[in-house]
Amino acid sequence: MTSDKLYAKIQKGDYEEKSPYPQYGEVAKGNITASADREMKNIWREERHTLKLQFKKDLRRYMETGRKKFGNKRWENIWNYVWELGHSAGYDEILGCAIDLAELL
Protein backbone atom coordinates (compact mmCIF):
# COMPACT_ATOMS: atom_id res chain seq x y z
CA MET A 1 0.00 0.00 0.00
CA THR A 2 1.26 3.48 -0.82
CA SER A 3 0.91 6.58 1.32
CA ASP A 4 -1.29 8.13 -1.40
CA LYS A 5 -3.74 5.22 -1.24
CA LEU A 6 -3.82 5.36 2.53
CA TYR A 7 -4.34 9.13 2.48
CA ALA A 8 -7.18 8.69 -0.05
CA LYS A 9 -8.87 6.18 2.27
CA ILE A 10 -8.60 8.69 5.12
CA GLN A 11 -10.05 11.49 3.00
CA LYS A 12 -12.86 9.24 1.74
CA GLY A 13 -13.86 8.55 5.35
CA ASP A 14 -13.07 4.84 5.40
CA TYR A 15 -11.94 5.12 9.02
CA GLU A 16 -14.85 7.34 10.19
CA GLU A 17 -17.65 5.98 12.36
CA LYS A 18 -20.98 5.65 10.56
CA SER A 19 -23.04 4.88 13.67
CA PRO A 20 -24.62 7.90 15.36
CA TYR A 21 -23.31 8.95 18.75
CA PRO A 22 -26.14 10.03 21.07
CA GLN A 23 -26.24 13.74 21.81
CA TYR A 24 -25.67 14.91 25.37
CA GLY A 25 -28.91 15.47 27.26
CA GLU A 26 -31.17 13.29 25.12
CA VAL A 27 -31.94 11.01 28.08
CA ALA A 28 -32.77 13.99 30.33
CA LYS A 29 -35.07 15.38 27.64
CA GLY A 30 -36.83 12.04 27.47
CA ASN A 31 -36.00 11.53 23.80
CA ILE A 32 -34.28 8.18 24.42
CA THR A 33 -33.98 5.78 27.34
CA ALA A 34 -30.80 5.38 29.34
CA SER A 35 -30.38 1.82 28.07
CA ALA A 36 -30.77 2.97 24.44
CA ASP A 37 -28.19 5.69 25.11
CA ARG A 38 -25.73 3.13 26.50
CA GLU A 39 -26.37 0.76 23.60
CA MET A 40 -25.78 3.49 21.01
CA LYS A 41 -22.54 4.48 22.73
CA ASN A 42 -21.37 0.85 22.89
CA ILE A 43 -22.09 0.31 19.19
CA TRP A 44 -20.24 3.53 18.33
CA ARG A 45 -17.24 2.59 20.49
CA GLU A 46 -17.05 -0.90 18.97
CA GLU A 47 -17.15 0.54 15.47
CA ARG A 48 -14.50 3.11 16.37
CA HIS A 49 -12.26 0.38 17.79
CA THR A 50 -12.69 -1.79 14.68
CA LEU A 51 -11.88 1.12 12.37
CA LYS A 52 -8.81 2.04 14.41
CA LEU A 53 -7.54 -1.54 14.14
CA GLN A 54 -8.11 -1.47 10.37
CA PHE A 55 -6.16 1.78 10.08
CA LYS A 56 -3.37 0.30 12.19
CA LYS A 57 -3.25 -2.76 9.90
CA ASP A 58 -3.22 -0.60 6.76
CA LEU A 59 -0.53 1.67 8.20
CA ARG A 60 1.63 -1.35 9.00
CA ARG A 61 1.21 -2.59 5.44
CA TYR A 62 2.35 0.84 4.18
CA MET A 63 5.30 0.98 6.59
CA GLU A 64 6.48 -2.50 5.58
CA THR A 65 6.17 -1.90 1.82
CA GLY A 66 9.68 -2.08 0.40
CA ARG A 67 11.19 -2.76 3.82
CA LYS A 68 11.72 -5.88 5.85
CA LYS A 69 8.80 -6.92 8.03
CA PHE A 70 8.66 -5.59 11.57
CA GLY A 71 8.37 -7.93 14.50
CA ASN A 72 5.22 -7.43 16.57
CA LYS A 73 7.06 -5.75 19.44
CA ARG A 74 8.84 -3.33 17.12
CA TRP A 75 5.62 -2.57 15.25
CA GLU A 76 3.79 -1.86 18.52
CA ASN A 77 6.56 0.59 19.48
CA ILE A 78 6.29 2.32 16.09
CA TRP A 79 2.48 2.42 16.28
CA ASN A 80 2.48 3.81 19.82
CA TYR A 81 4.98 6.50 18.81
CA VAL A 82 3.10 7.74 15.72
CA TRP A 83 -0.27 7.43 17.51
CA GLU A 84 0.97 9.54 20.40
CA LEU A 85 2.35 12.19 18.05
CA GLY A 86 -0.65 12.50 15.78
CA HIS A 87 -3.90 11.08 17.13
CA SER A 88 -5.24 14.36 18.44
CA ALA A 89 -5.11 15.81 14.91
CA GLY A 90 -6.55 12.78 13.13
CA TYR A 91 -5.49 9.86 10.99
CA ASP A 92 -3.91 12.06 8.33
CA GLU A 93 -1.51 13.46 10.94
CA ILE A 94 -0.66 9.95 12.14
CA LEU A 95 0.11 9.05 8.52
CA GLY A 96 2.30 12.16 8.23
CA CYS A 97 4.24 11.13 11.34
CA ALA A 98 4.61 7.60 9.95
CA ILE A 99 5.90 8.95 6.61
CA ASP A 100 8.49 11.05 8.44
CA LEU A 101 9.51 8.08 10.57
CA ALA A 102 9.66 5.74 7.55
CA GLU A 103 12.44 7.87 6.10
CA LEU A 104 14.55 7.01 9.14
CA LEU A 105 13.87 3.26 9.12
C-alpha atoms as a PDB file:
ATOM      1  CA  MET A   1       0.000   0.000   0.000  1.00  0.00           C
ATOM      2  CA  THR A   2       1.260   3.484  -0.817  1.00  0.00           C
ATOM      3  CA  SER A   3       0.908   6.579   1.317  1.00  0.00           C
ATOM      4  CA  ASP A   4      -1.292   8.130  -1.403  1.00  0.00           C
ATOM      5  CA  LYS A   5      -3.742   5.216  -1.240  1.00  0.00           C
ATOM      6  CA  LEU A   6      -3.823   5.357   2.529  1.00  0.00           C
ATOM      7  CA  TYR A   7      -4.339   9.126   2.480  1.00  0.00           C
ATOM      8  CA  ALA A   8      -7.179   8.691  -0.050  1.00  0.00           C
ATOM      9  CA  LYS A   9      -8.869   6.182   2.269  1.00  0.00           C
ATOM     10  CA  ILE A  10      -8.599   8.694   5.123  1.00  0.00           C
ATOM     11  CA  GLN A  11     -10.053  11.493   2.995  1.00  0.00           C
ATOM     12  CA  LYS A  12     -12.859   9.242   1.739  1.00  0.00           C
ATOM     13  CA  GLY A  13     -13.865   8.547   5.352  1.00  0.00           C
ATOM     14  CA  ASP A  14     -13.073   4.837   5.399  1.00  0.00           C
ATOM     15  CA  TYR A  15     -11.945   5.122   9.023  1.00  0.00           C
ATOM     16  CA  GLU A  16     -14.854   7.341  10.186  1.00  0.00           C
ATOM     17  CA  GLU A  17     -17.653   5.982  12.357  1.00  0.00           C
ATOM     18  CA  LYS A  18     -20.982   5.649  10.556  1.00  0.00           C
ATOM     19  CA  SER A  19     -23.041   4.877  13.671  1.00  0.00           C
ATOM     20  CA  PRO A  20     -24.622   7.900  15.360  1.00  0.00           C
ATOM     21  CA  TYR A  21     -23.314   8.952  18.746  1.00  0.00           C
ATOM     22  CA  PRO A  22     -26.143  10.034  21.075  1.00  0.00           C
ATOM     23  CA  GLN A  23     -26.239  13.737  21.814  1.00  0.00           C
ATOM     24  CA  TYR A  24     -25.673  14.914  25.367  1.00  0.00           C
ATOM     25  CA  GLY A  25     -28.910  15.469  27.261  1.00  0.00           C
ATOM     26  CA  GLU A  26     -31.174  13.288  25.124  1.00  0.00           C
ATOM     27  CA  VAL A  27     -31.935  11.014  28.083  1.00  0.00           C
ATOM     28  CA  ALA A  28     -32.769  13.986  30.332  1.00  0.00           C
ATOM     29  CA  LYS A  29     -35.071  15.385  27.640  1.00  0.00           C
ATOM     30  CA  GLY A  30     -36.834  12.039  27.468  1.00  0.00           C
ATOM     31  CA  ASN A  31     -35.995  11.526  23.796  1.00  0.00           C
ATOM     32  CA  ILE A  32     -34.283   8.182  24.421  1.00  0.00           C
ATOM     33  CA  THR A  33     -33.984   5.784  27.343  1.00  0.00           C
ATOM     34  CA  ALA A  34     -30.797   5.379  29.339  1.00  0.00           C
ATOM     35  CA  SER A  35     -30.383   1.818  28.065  1.00  0.00           C
ATOM     36  CA  ALA A  36     -30.765   2.965  24.438  1.00  0.00           C
ATOM     37  CA  ASP A  37     -28.186   5.687  25.107  1.00  0.00           C
ATOM     38  CA  ARG A  38     -25.729   3.126  26.500  1.00  0.00           C
ATOM     39  CA  GLU A  39     -26.369   0.758  23.598  1.00  0.00           C
ATOM     40  CA  MET A  40     -25.780   3.493  21.006  1.00  0.00           C
ATOM     41  CA  LYS A  41     -22.543   4.484  22.733  1.00  0.00           C
ATOM     42  CA  ASN A  42     -21.371   0.854  22.889  1.00  0.00           C
ATOM     43  CA  ILE A  43     -22.093   0.315  19.191  1.00  0.00           C
ATOM     44  CA  TRP A  44     -20.244   3.532  18.329  1.00  0.00           C
ATOM     45  CA  ARG A  45     -17.242   2.586  20.495  1.00  0.00           C
ATOM     46  CA  GLU A  46     -17.050  -0.897  18.972  1.00  0.00           C
ATOM     47  CA  GLU A  47     -17.153   0.536  15.467  1.00  0.00           C
ATOM     48  CA  ARG A  48     -14.499   3.112  16.370  1.00  0.00           C
ATOM     49  CA  HIS A  49     -12.259   0.381  17.792  1.00  0.00           C
ATOM     50  CA  THR A  50     -12.691  -1.795  14.681  1.00  0.00           C
ATOM     51  CA  LEU A  51     -11.878   1.122  12.366  1.00  0.00           C
ATOM     52  CA  LYS A  52      -8.815   2.044  14.414  1.00  0.00           C
ATOM     53  CA  LEU A  53      -7.537  -1.536  14.144  1.00  0.00           C
ATOM     54  CA  GLN A  54      -8.113  -1.472  10.375  1.00  0.00           C
ATOM     55  CA  PHE A  55      -6.161   1.783  10.082  1.00  0.00           C
ATOM     56  CA  LYS A  56      -3.373   0.296  12.190  1.00  0.00           C
ATOM     57  CA  LYS A  57      -3.249  -2.756   9.902  1.00  0.00           C
ATOM     58  CA  ASP A  58      -3.222  -0.601   6.759  1.00  0.00           C
ATOM     59  CA  LEU A  59      -0.528   1.669   8.198  1.00  0.00           C
ATOM     60  CA  ARG A  60       1.631  -1.345   9.001  1.00  0.00           C
ATOM     61  CA  ARG A  61       1.208  -2.591   5.438  1.00  0.00           C
ATOM     62  CA  TYR A  62       2.354   0.839   4.185  1.00  0.00           C
ATOM     63  CA  MET A  63       5.300   0.985   6.589  1.00  0.00           C
ATOM     64  CA  GLU A  64       6.483  -2.498   5.581  1.00  0.00           C
ATOM     65  CA  THR A  65       6.174  -1.900   1.823  1.00  0.00           C
ATOM     66  CA  GLY A  66       9.680  -2.078   0.400  1.00  0.00           C
ATOM     67  CA  ARG A  67      11.187  -2.760   3.821  1.00  0.00           C
ATOM     68  CA  LYS A  68      11.717  -5.877   5.848  1.00  0.00           C
ATOM     69  CA  LYS A  69       8.799  -6.920   8.026  1.00  0.00           C
ATOM     70  CA  PHE A  70       8.661  -5.592  11.569  1.00  0.00           C
ATOM     71  CA  GLY A  71       8.370  -7.928  14.500  1.00  0.00           C
ATOM     72  CA  ASN A  72       5.218  -7.428  16.566  1.00  0.00           C
ATOM     73  CA  LYS A  73       7.056  -5.751  19.445  1.00  0.00           C
ATOM     74  CA  ARG A  74       8.839  -3.331  17.117  1.00  0.00           C
ATOM     75  CA  TRP A  75       5.623  -2.574  15.251  1.00  0.00           C
ATOM     76  CA  GLU A  76       3.788  -1.858  18.516  1.00  0.00           C
ATOM     77  CA  ASN A  77       6.555   0.587  19.478  1.00  0.00           C
ATOM     78  CA  ILE A  78       6.289   2.317  16.085  1.00  0.00           C
ATOM     79  CA  TRP A  79       2.485   2.417  16.282  1.00  0.00           C
ATOM     80  CA  ASN A  80       2.481   3.812  19.821  1.00  0.00           C
ATOM     81  CA  TYR A  81       4.977   6.497  18.807  1.00  0.00           C
ATOM     82  CA  VAL A  82       3.103   7.742  15.723  1.00  0.00           C
ATOM     83  CA  TRP A  83      -0.267   7.431  17.513  1.00  0.00           C
ATOM     84  CA  GLU A  84       0.970   9.538  20.404  1.00  0.00           C
ATOM     85  CA  LEU A  85       2.350  12.189  18.048  1.00  0.00           C
ATOM     86  CA  GLY A  86      -0.647  12.498  15.775  1.00  0.00           C
ATOM     87  CA  HIS A  87      -3.903  11.080  17.130  1.00  0.00           C
ATOM     88  CA  SER A  88      -5.240  14.360  18.442  1.00  0.00           C
ATOM     89  CA  ALA A  89      -5.106  15.809  14.913  1.00  0.00           C
ATOM     90  CA  GLY A  90      -6.550  12.778  13.134  1.00  0.00           C
ATOM     91  CA  TYR A  91      -5.494   9.863  10.990  1.00  0.00           C
ATOM     92  CA  ASP A  92      -3.913  12.062   8.333  1.00  0.00           C
ATOM     93  CA  GLU A  93      -1.512  13.463  10.939  1.00  0.00           C
ATOM     94  CA  ILE A  94      -0.658   9.946  12.135  1.00  0.00           C
ATOM     95  CA  LEU A  95       0.107   9.055   8.521  1.00  0.00           C
ATOM     96  CA  GLY A  96       2.301  12.158   8.225  1.00  0.00           C
ATOM     97  CA  CYS A  97       4.244  11.134  11.344  1.00  0.00           C
ATOM     98  CA  ALA A  98       4.609   7.602   9.950  1.00  0.00           C
ATOM     99  CA  ILE A  99       5.904   8.946   6.608  1.00  0.00           C
ATOM    100  CA  ASP A 100       8.493  11.047   8.438  1.00  0.00           C
ATOM    101  CA  LEU A 101       9.509   8.081  10.574  1.00  0.00           C
ATOM    102  CA  ALA A 102       9.660   5.738   7.555  1.00  0.00           C
ATOM    103  CA  GLU A 103      12.444   7.868   6.102  1.00  0.00           C
ATOM    104  CA  LEU A 104      14.553   7.009   9.144  1.00  0.00           C
ATOM    105  CA  LEU A 105      13.871   3.263   9.124  1.00  0.00           C
END
